[in-house]
Amino acid sequence: MDTNDSTSTTPSKSKKLSPDGRGYIKRLVELRELLNASDPDGREMTDAQFASKYLPYHDSTWGRLRADEYDGDTREMERRSLAAIIKIEQELDARGVSHNAPLFKTDLVKSVLEHVANARNTGAGCPNRLIVYLAETGGGKTALCRHIAGSWKGHIVEGRESWRASYTSGCRDVAVAAGATKDDKMRNAREAEEVMLRYLRARRLVLCIDEANSFGPHTCNMVKLILNQTPTVIFLGSIPGLWKKMNQANWFEASQLQRRAVAVVHMEKLTASEARLFLQPLIADKAVLTDACRRVADSASEFGLFDRVERIARYLADEYTGHGQPVTLEAVAKAISVTRATTPAK
């Protein structure tokens, strides 16, 4: 367990967890329940035991993260939490326990999954195995990464600022995600590159890179090298505006990379039919449901997308259906208003 996570470290500019970060913490809570339920001796872990065995930070930090009261480097804690999720899911795999996070399979999501499946069937000599998914915050990028990695035993890497200027940093992070250990020497770019390629050549897998807008020219070349010299399928998730800026800043390398893309899927807004997936279990009246889906979709398209709809649905479940009360349009309007008040500004 890494103990260097004291709140006395230099704080980040943003003290609150991002929507993705809150999703990581929620997922860790779900995985802890699965670990407890599948324990052969029927024992339940305390916070201290869970943190000591599975989390790269103290149990006190775990408590503050769950309460969204951590006042240190939240970005670093989100990165560590994602690493912990991958570690726990691997252990559950070894136990034979199903752990796939629920994923609402909209037509857009189905399209992405179909492109990934087809890319996995592409001949190793063809480098066109890149799928790019563009969506604003709350658009399901991280959920898709987890689902894809879980479905095809892939790996998840979160793009980092250091990748913009460091080829070594990108290669090293991908190598570690693919299975490299401390015994693998990666002291320079050449060594890190060779270790990364060796692990990725071992078998065909899907490499999911979240926050792909952190790419620089070196990272674009790294991904191109992986596609050219290994059978790896690569899924990239990014915010559209930041992806566009990355392409403009690295136009030559980025254009060479995108020639290897079989699909660039852009979620521009949330539709009423997608909102229905969340709201239908809560609203019995068909007329109310139809109008509610339209209103919720319009509001979520302003900011939050799936994350916003999920919070609206949770509010309706907690405040109305959970108490045996029907969901009316007035209730939907209130849920939209309440979640708007708690939605971060653009």
Foldseek 3Di string as FASTA:
>chain_A
DAAPPDQVPAADPDLFAALLLLVLLVLLVVLLVVCLVLPPVNDHDDLQRCCVPQFNYGSVVNVCSNVRNRGHHNVVRSQRSVVSSVVSLVVCVVSVHDRQDDDQCDVLNVVQVVLQVVLLVDDLQALLQEEEEADAAQACLVSSVSNQCSVFVAFEAEQDLVQQPALLVLLQRQLVRLPDDPVQDSPDNVSSLVSSLVSQQVDEHEYEYEQCLSHHLSVLVSSSCCSNRHSYRYYYYHHVVSNVVRCVRNVVSVVVSCVSYPYYRYDQFFALVSLCVLCVVQADDPVQSSVLSHVQRVLVSVDNGNNLSNQLSVQCCVPAVVVVHHQGNVSSVVSSVVSVVVDDDD
